[in-house]
Amino acid sequence: MNLLDIVLALPLIGFLVLLLVPRAAEGAIRATALAFSLVAFIASLGLAFNTGKLFPPDMANGAFVGQHGSWNRKPRAGYKVIFVPFANGMPSGQPRDILTGFINGGGDAQGRPVGVAMDKHGALLVADDVGNTVWRVTPAKR
């Protein structure tokens, strides 16, 4: 029986590397291949899996990631919420931007996404610690 025991976040040459480390039945720990990587210094602080039915089917069971952003990078990086698709319990595609626009034309942060969570109706909640706001994000009506 292999159980997901630890998720390690390691900075590695400009990238944040996530390694899944399953615990073997006999208690020995072994590392698996790289699961997914994100650029370093974007402060991916929030993580929530989409388990609801409000978003389109291609977003089922994927992960929303709140990227707080880096104040000491030129150009600024992060300052958005991305979606990472999953299939069979593993990342299965490239991340895509879900919520952007936190940097104004002058390069100043108007908001910084921190925590992300799903509400009971399946909407994405995003805590913004610059705007002092919790955003409720739903798909556009079609």
N, C-alpha and C. Protein backbone atom coordinates (compact mmCIF):
# COMPACT_ATOMS: atom_id res chain seq x y z
N MET A 1 0.85 -1.17 0.00
CA MET A 1 0.00 0.00 0.00
C MET A 1 0.90 1.23 0.00
N ASN A 2 0.78 2.11 -1.02
CA ASN A 2 1.54 3.35 -1.08
C ASN A 2 0.63 4.51 -0.74
N LEU A 3 0.98 5.26 0.27
CA LEU A 3 0.22 6.44 0.67
C LEU A 3 1.07 7.67 0.41
N LEU A 4 0.43 8.73 -0.08
CA LEU A 4 1.14 9.99 -0.24
C LEU A 4 1.45 10.51 1.15
N ASP A 5 2.71 10.58 1.49
CA ASP A 5 3.11 10.91 2.84
C ASP A 5 3.60 12.34 2.97
N ILE A 6 4.37 12.81 2.02
CA ILE A 6 5.00 14.12 2.13
C ILE A 6 4.99 14.79 0.76
N VAL A 7 4.76 16.08 0.73
CA VAL A 7 4.98 16.86 -0.48
C VAL A 7 6.11 17.83 -0.16
N LEU A 8 7.20 17.73 -0.90
CA LEU A 8 8.35 18.58 -0.66
C LEU A 8 8.37 19.71 -1.67
N ALA A 9 8.69 20.91 -1.21
CA ALA A 9 8.87 22.05 -2.10
C ALA A 9 10.33 22.45 -2.02
N LEU A 10 11.05 22.32 -3.10
CA LEU A 10 12.47 22.60 -3.12
C LEU A 10 12.79 23.67 -4.15
N PRO A 11 13.46 24.76 -3.77
CA PRO A 11 13.91 25.71 -4.79
C PRO A 11 15.05 25.07 -5.57
N LEU A 12 15.00 25.13 -6.87
CA LEU A 12 16.02 24.50 -7.69
C LEU A 12 16.26 25.34 -8.93
N ILE A 13 17.31 26.07 -8.96
CA ILE A 13 17.75 26.87 -10.10
C ILE A 13 16.59 27.64 -10.73
N GLY A 14 15.95 28.48 -9.96
CA GLY A 14 14.91 29.34 -10.49
C GLY A 14 13.54 28.71 -10.59
N PHE A 15 13.38 27.50 -10.12
CA PHE A 15 12.07 26.85 -10.19
C PHE A 15 11.69 26.30 -8.83
N LEU A 16 10.41 26.30 -8.54
CA LEU A 16 9.92 25.63 -7.36
C LEU A 16 9.53 24.23 -7.81
N VAL A 17 10.11 23.23 -7.20
CA VAL A 17 9.92 21.85 -7.62
C VAL A 17 9.09 21.14 -6.57
N LEU A 18 8.01 20.51 -7.00
CA LEU A 18 7.18 19.72 -6.10
C LEU A 18 7.45 18.25 -6.35
N LEU A 19 7.88 17.55 -5.33
CA LEU A 19 8.12 16.12 -5.44
C LEU A 19 7.11 15.39 -4.57
N LEU A 20 6.51 14.37 -5.12
CA LEU A 20 5.61 13.53 -4.34
C LEU A 20 6.43 12.40 -3.76
N VAL A 21 6.35 12.21 -2.45
CA VAL A 21 7.14 11.18 -1.79
C VAL A 21 6.19 10.18 -1.13
N PRO A 22 5.94 9.05 -1.79
CA PRO A 22 5.05 8.07 -1.18
C PRO A 22 5.78 7.26 -0.11
N ARG A 23 5.05 6.82 0.90
CA ARG A 23 5.63 5.95 1.93
C ARG A 23 5.31 4.51 1.54
N ALA A 24 6.34 3.72 1.44
CA ALA A 24 6.15 2.31 1.09
C ALA A 24 5.52 1.57 2.26
N ALA A 25 4.91 0.44 1.98
CA ALA A 25 4.20 -0.33 3.00
C ALA A 25 5.10 -0.69 4.17
N GLU A 26 6.35 -0.99 3.89
CA GLU A 26 7.26 -1.39 4.97
C GLU A 26 7.85 -0.19 5.71
N GLY A 27 7.46 1.02 5.33
CA GLY A 27 7.90 2.21 6.04
C GLY A 27 9.07 2.93 5.40
N ALA A 28 9.69 2.35 4.41
CA ALA A 28 10.79 3.03 3.72
C ALA A 28 10.24 4.13 2.83
N ILE A 29 10.97 5.20 2.72
CA ILE A 29 10.53 6.31 1.87
C ILE A 29 11.32 6.26 0.57
N ARG A 30 10.62 6.43 -0.54
CA ARG A 30 11.28 6.49 -1.84
C ARG A 30 10.71 7.66 -2.61
N ALA A 31 11.52 8.30 -3.41
CA ALA A 31 11.08 9.47 -4.18
C ALA A 31 10.55 9.01 -5.54
N THR A 32 9.58 9.73 -6.04
CA THR A 32 9.08 9.48 -7.38
C THR A 32 9.54 10.61 -8.29
N ALA A 33 9.22 10.50 -9.54
CA ALA A 33 9.62 11.51 -10.51
C ALA A 33 8.94 12.85 -10.20
N LEU A 34 9.52 13.91 -10.72
CA LEU A 34 8.98 15.25 -10.57
C LEU A 34 7.52 15.28 -10.99
N ALA A 35 6.67 15.82 -10.14
CA ALA A 35 5.25 15.88 -10.43
C ALA A 35 4.90 17.15 -11.19
N PHE A 36 5.47 18.28 -10.79
CA PHE A 36 5.13 19.55 -11.40
C PHE A 36 6.10 20.60 -10.91
N SER A 37 6.35 21.63 -11.70
CA SER A 37 7.22 22.71 -11.24
C SER A 37 6.61 24.07 -11.57
N LEU A 38 6.88 25.04 -10.73
CA LEU A 38 6.46 26.42 -10.92
C LEU A 38 7.68 27.31 -10.77
N VAL A 39 7.68 28.44 -11.44
CA VAL A 39 8.79 29.37 -11.35
C VAL A 39 8.96 29.83 -9.91
N ALA A 40 10.21 29.93 -9.46
CA ALA A 40 10.50 30.36 -8.10
C ALA A 40 10.20 31.84 -7.92
N PHE A 41 10.07 32.24 -6.67
CA PHE A 41 9.88 33.63 -6.26
C PHE A 41 8.57 34.24 -6.75
N ILE A 42 7.55 33.40 -6.94
CA ILE A 42 6.23 33.94 -7.24
C ILE A 42 5.28 33.69 -6.07
N ALA A 43 5.80 33.02 -5.06
CA ALA A 43 5.07 32.78 -3.81
C ALA A 43 3.70 32.15 -4.06
N SER A 44 3.72 30.92 -4.56
CA SER A 44 2.48 30.16 -4.74
C SER A 44 2.02 29.69 -3.37
N LEU A 45 1.21 30.53 -2.70
CA LEU A 45 0.86 30.30 -1.31
C LEU A 45 -0.46 29.55 -1.11
N GLY A 46 -1.39 29.70 -2.03
CA GLY A 46 -2.70 29.08 -1.86
C GLY A 46 -2.89 27.91 -2.80
N LEU A 47 -3.57 26.87 -2.35
CA LEU A 47 -3.85 25.71 -3.17
C LEU A 47 -5.21 25.16 -2.79
N ALA A 48 -6.07 24.97 -3.79
CA ALA A 48 -7.39 24.37 -3.55
C ALA A 48 -7.75 23.52 -4.76
N PHE A 49 -8.22 22.31 -4.50
CA PHE A 49 -8.65 21.44 -5.59
C PHE A 49 -10.11 21.69 -5.91
N ASN A 50 -10.41 21.75 -7.19
CA ASN A 50 -11.79 21.96 -7.65
C ASN A 50 -12.53 20.63 -7.58
N THR A 51 -13.40 20.51 -6.61
CA THR A 51 -14.18 19.28 -6.47
C THR A 51 -15.66 19.52 -6.79
N GLY A 52 -15.99 20.76 -7.15
CA GLY A 52 -17.38 21.10 -7.45
C GLY A 52 -17.71 20.91 -8.91
N LYS A 53 -18.90 21.33 -9.28
CA LYS A 53 -19.39 21.17 -10.66
C LYS A 53 -19.69 22.50 -11.33
N LEU A 54 -19.33 23.61 -10.69
CA LEU A 54 -19.64 24.93 -11.23
C LEU A 54 -18.77 25.30 -12.44
N PHE A 55 -17.50 24.93 -12.40
CA PHE A 55 -16.59 25.23 -13.50
C PHE A 55 -16.74 24.20 -14.61
N PRO A 56 -16.26 24.51 -15.81
CA PRO A 56 -16.41 23.57 -16.93
C PRO A 56 -15.76 22.21 -16.64
N PRO A 57 -16.21 21.16 -17.32
CA PRO A 57 -15.69 19.81 -17.08
C PRO A 57 -14.17 19.69 -17.22
N ASP A 58 -13.57 20.49 -18.11
CA ASP A 58 -12.11 20.37 -18.27
C ASP A 58 -11.36 20.93 -17.05
N MET A 59 -12.09 21.52 -16.11
CA MET A 59 -11.47 22.03 -14.89
C MET A 59 -11.83 21.18 -13.66
N ALA A 60 -12.46 20.04 -13.89
CA ALA A 60 -12.81 19.14 -12.79
C ALA A 60 -11.55 18.54 -12.19
N ASN A 61 -11.48 18.52 -10.87
CA ASN A 61 -10.41 17.87 -10.11
C ASN A 61 -9.03 18.48 -10.27
N GLY A 62 -8.91 19.61 -10.92
CA GLY A 62 -7.62 20.30 -11.01
C GLY A 62 -7.40 21.17 -9.78
N ALA A 63 -6.28 21.88 -9.79
CA ALA A 63 -5.90 22.70 -8.64
C ALA A 63 -5.83 24.17 -9.00
N PHE A 64 -6.44 25.00 -8.17
CA PHE A 64 -6.28 26.44 -8.25
C PHE A 64 -5.10 26.81 -7.35
N VAL A 65 -4.23 27.69 -7.84
CA VAL A 65 -3.05 28.10 -7.09
C VAL A 65 -3.02 29.62 -7.02
N GLY A 66 -3.04 30.15 -5.80
CA GLY A 66 -2.92 31.60 -5.61
C GLY A 66 -1.46 31.99 -5.58
N GLN A 67 -1.05 32.85 -6.51
CA GLN A 67 0.34 33.29 -6.58
C GLN A 67 0.46 34.72 -6.07
N HIS A 68 0.98 34.85 -4.87
CA HIS A 68 1.07 36.12 -4.16
C HIS A 68 1.92 37.13 -4.92
N GLY A 69 2.94 36.68 -5.59
CA GLY A 69 3.78 37.56 -6.39
C GLY A 69 5.05 37.96 -5.69
N SER A 70 6.01 38.38 -6.49
CA SER A 70 7.31 38.78 -5.99
C SER A 70 7.50 40.27 -6.19
N TRP A 71 7.77 40.98 -5.12
CA TRP A 71 7.96 42.43 -5.17
C TRP A 71 9.35 42.79 -5.67
N ASN A 72 10.29 41.85 -5.62
CA ASN A 72 11.67 42.18 -5.98
C ASN A 72 12.12 41.57 -7.31
N ARG A 73 11.21 41.39 -8.22
CA ARG A 73 11.54 40.91 -9.57
C ARG A 73 11.15 41.96 -10.57
N LYS A 74 11.92 42.06 -11.62
CA LYS A 74 11.60 42.93 -12.75
C LYS A 74 11.61 42.07 -14.00
N PRO A 75 10.55 41.90 -14.73
CA PRO A 75 9.22 42.40 -14.40
C PRO A 75 8.62 41.59 -13.25
N ARG A 76 7.58 42.14 -12.64
CA ARG A 76 6.91 41.45 -11.55
C ARG A 76 6.36 40.12 -12.05
N ALA A 77 6.35 39.15 -11.18
CA ALA A 77 5.86 37.82 -11.54
C ALA A 77 4.87 37.37 -10.49
N GLY A 78 3.97 36.49 -10.86
CA GLY A 78 2.91 36.03 -9.96
C GLY A 78 1.75 36.99 -10.03
N TYR A 79 1.21 37.39 -8.88
CA TYR A 79 0.08 38.32 -8.80
C TYR A 79 -1.11 37.82 -9.62
N LYS A 80 -1.41 36.53 -9.48
CA LYS A 80 -2.53 35.96 -10.23
C LYS A 80 -2.93 34.64 -9.60
N VAL A 81 -4.01 34.08 -10.10
CA VAL A 81 -4.44 32.74 -9.74
C VAL A 81 -4.38 31.91 -11.01
N ILE A 82 -3.75 30.74 -10.90
CA ILE A 82 -3.65 29.84 -12.04
C ILE A 82 -4.44 28.58 -11.75
N PHE A 83 -4.70 27.82 -12.81
CA PHE A 83 -5.35 26.51 -12.69
C PHE A 83 -4.42 25.48 -13.31
N VAL A 84 -4.17 24.40 -12.56
CA VAL A 84 -3.35 23.29 -13.04
C VAL A 84 -4.27 22.09 -13.23
N PRO A 85 -4.42 21.61 -14.48
CA PRO A 85 -5.28 20.45 -14.71
C PRO A 85 -4.67 19.17 -14.13
N PHE A 86 -5.52 18.29 -13.64
CA PHE A 86 -5.10 17.00 -13.10
C PHE A 86 -5.86 15.89 -13.80
N ALA A 87 -5.21 14.74 -13.94
CA ALA A 87 -5.86 13.52 -14.41
C ALA A 87 -5.23 12.36 -13.64
N ASN A 88 -6.04 11.46 -13.18
CA ASN A 88 -5.57 10.30 -12.42
C ASN A 88 -4.69 10.71 -11.23
N GLY A 89 -5.06 11.82 -10.59
CA GLY A 89 -4.35 12.25 -9.39
C GLY A 89 -3.02 12.94 -9.61
N MET A 90 -2.68 13.25 -10.85
CA MET A 90 -1.39 13.89 -11.16
C MET A 90 -1.60 15.08 -12.09
N PRO A 91 -0.72 16.09 -12.02
CA PRO A 91 -0.81 17.20 -12.98
C PRO A 91 -0.74 16.66 -14.40
N SER A 92 -1.60 17.19 -15.28
CA SER A 92 -1.69 16.62 -16.63
C SER A 92 -1.56 17.64 -17.74
N GLY A 93 -1.22 18.85 -17.42
CA GLY A 93 -1.09 19.87 -18.47
C GLY A 93 -0.48 21.14 -17.92
N GLN A 94 -0.33 22.09 -18.79
CA GLN A 94 0.26 23.37 -18.42
C GLN A 94 -0.74 24.21 -17.61
N PRO A 95 -0.22 25.01 -16.69
CA PRO A 95 -1.12 25.89 -15.93
C PRO A 95 -1.70 26.97 -16.84
N ARG A 96 -2.88 27.45 -16.48
CA ARG A 96 -3.46 28.55 -17.23
C ARG A 96 -3.96 29.62 -16.27
N ASP A 97 -3.86 30.85 -16.71
CA ASP A 97 -4.29 31.97 -15.88
C ASP A 97 -5.80 31.96 -15.74
N ILE A 98 -6.26 32.15 -14.50
CA ILE A 98 -7.69 32.19 -14.19
C ILE A 98 -8.09 33.59 -13.75
N LEU A 99 -7.28 34.22 -12.91
CA LEU A 99 -7.60 35.54 -12.38
C LEU A 99 -6.33 36.39 -12.43
N THR A 100 -6.37 37.46 -13.21
CA THR A 100 -5.21 38.33 -13.40
C THR A 100 -5.66 39.78 -13.22
N GLY A 101 -4.76 40.71 -13.49
CA GLY A 101 -5.11 42.12 -13.44
C GLY A 101 -4.80 42.78 -12.10
N PHE A 102 -3.97 42.15 -11.30
CA PHE A 102 -3.63 42.71 -9.99
C PHE A 102 -2.52 43.76 -10.06
N ILE A 103 -1.87 43.89 -11.21
CA ILE A 103 -0.81 44.90 -11.40
C ILE A 103 -1.36 45.97 -12.34
N ASN A 104 -1.25 47.24 -11.93
CA ASN A 104 -1.75 48.32 -12.79
C ASN A 104 -0.72 48.69 -13.86
N GLY A 105 -1.05 49.62 -14.73
CA GLY A 105 -0.18 50.03 -15.82
C GLY A 105 1.15 50.58 -15.37
N GLY A 106 1.20 51.13 -14.16
CA GLY A 106 2.45 51.67 -13.61
C GLY A 106 3.30 50.62 -12.91
N GLY A 107 2.83 49.38 -12.90
CA GLY A 107 3.59 48.30 -12.26
C GLY A 107 3.34 48.14 -10.78
N ASP A 108 2.34 48.85 -10.25
CA ASP A 108 2.03 48.75 -8.82
C ASP A 108 1.00 47.66 -8.56
N ALA A 109 1.16 46.96 -7.44
CA ALA A 109 0.22 45.90 -7.08
C ALA A 109 -1.06 46.50 -6.53
N GLN A 110 -2.17 46.20 -7.17
CA GLN A 110 -3.49 46.60 -6.68
C GLN A 110 -4.10 45.50 -5.82
N GLY A 111 -3.47 44.33 -5.86
CA GLY A 111 -3.92 43.18 -5.10
C GLY A 111 -2.86 42.10 -5.15
N ARG A 112 -2.92 41.21 -4.17
CA ARG A 112 -1.99 40.07 -4.12
C ARG A 112 -2.76 38.85 -3.62
N PRO A 113 -3.08 37.92 -4.52
CA PRO A 113 -3.80 36.72 -4.10
C PRO A 113 -2.98 35.90 -3.11
N VAL A 114 -3.63 35.43 -2.08
CA VAL A 114 -2.94 34.62 -1.07
C VAL A 114 -3.63 33.27 -0.98
N GLY A 115 -4.69 33.20 -0.17
CA GLY A 115 -5.39 31.94 0.02
C GLY A 115 -6.45 31.72 -1.04
N VAL A 116 -6.66 30.48 -1.39
CA VAL A 116 -7.75 30.10 -2.30
C VAL A 116 -8.52 28.95 -1.66
N ALA A 117 -9.82 28.94 -1.88
CA ALA A 117 -10.68 27.89 -1.34
C ALA A 117 -11.91 27.79 -2.24
N MET A 118 -12.61 26.69 -2.13
CA MET A 118 -13.85 26.49 -2.87
C MET A 118 -15.02 26.66 -1.88
N ASP A 119 -16.06 27.42 -2.29
CA ASP A 119 -17.23 27.54 -1.41
C ASP A 119 -18.17 26.36 -1.64
N LYS A 120 -19.25 26.29 -0.86
CA LYS A 120 -20.14 25.13 -0.94
C LYS A 120 -20.90 25.04 -2.26
N HIS A 121 -20.91 26.12 -3.05
CA HIS A 121 -21.57 26.10 -4.35
C HIS A 121 -20.60 25.81 -5.49
N GLY A 122 -19.30 25.68 -5.18
CA GLY A 122 -18.30 25.38 -6.19
C GLY A 122 -17.58 26.59 -6.74
N ALA A 123 -17.85 27.79 -6.20
CA ALA A 123 -17.15 28.99 -6.65
C ALA A 123 -15.77 29.05 -5.99
N LEU A 124 -14.85 29.71 -6.66
CA LEU A 124 -13.50 29.90 -6.14
C LEU A 124 -13.47 31.16 -5.28
N LEU A 125 -12.95 31.05 -4.07
CA LEU A 125 -12.76 32.19 -3.19
C LEU A 125 -11.27 32.52 -3.15
N VAL A 126 -10.95 33.80 -3.33
CA VAL A 126 -9.55 34.24 -3.36
C VAL A 126 -9.36 35.35 -2.35
N ALA A 127 -8.49 35.14 -1.37
CA ALA A 127 -8.16 36.17 -0.39
C ALA A 127 -7.05 37.05 -0.96
N ASP A 128 -7.27 38.36 -0.94
CA ASP A 128 -6.33 39.36 -1.47
C ASP A 128 -5.87 40.22 -0.31
N ASP A 129 -4.57 40.13 0.05
CA ASP A 129 -4.12 40.82 1.25
C ASP A 129 -3.64 42.25 1.00
N VAL A 130 -3.68 42.73 -0.22
CA VAL A 130 -3.42 44.15 -0.49
C VAL A 130 -4.76 44.89 -0.60
N GLY A 131 -5.69 44.32 -1.33
CA GLY A 131 -7.00 44.92 -1.49
C GLY A 131 -7.92 44.69 -0.31
N ASN A 132 -7.47 43.87 0.68
CA ASN A 132 -8.30 43.56 1.84
C ASN A 132 -9.66 43.03 1.41
N THR A 133 -9.64 42.12 0.46
CA THR A 133 -10.86 41.64 -0.18
C THR A 133 -10.83 40.13 -0.31
N VAL A 134 -12.00 39.50 -0.27
CA VAL A 134 -12.14 38.11 -0.67
C VAL A 134 -12.97 38.13 -1.94
N TRP A 135 -12.38 37.68 -3.02
CA TRP A 135 -13.05 37.64 -4.32
C TRP A 135 -13.77 36.31 -4.46
N ARG A 136 -14.99 36.33 -5.01
CA ARG A 136 -15.72 35.11 -5.35
C ARG A 136 -15.73 35.00 -6.86
N VAL A 137 -15.11 33.96 -7.37
CA VAL A 137 -14.90 33.81 -8.81
C VAL A 137 -15.76 32.66 -9.33
N THR A 138 -16.55 32.96 -10.37
CA THR A 138 -17.37 31.96 -11.03
C THR A 138 -17.13 32.04 -12.54
N PRO A 139 -17.41 30.98 -13.26
CA PRO A 139 -17.25 31.04 -14.71
C PRO A 139 -18.21 32.06 -15.32
N ALA A 140 -17.81 32.64 -16.44
CA ALA A 140 -18.67 33.57 -17.16
C ALA A 140 -19.91 32.85 -17.66
N LYS A 141 -21.03 33.53 -17.66
CA LYS A 141 -22.27 32.94 -18.19
C LYS A 141 -22.13 32.78 -19.69
N ARG A 142 -22.64 31.68 -20.20
CA ARG A 142 -22.54 31.43 -21.65
C ARG A 142 -23.90 31.48 -22.28
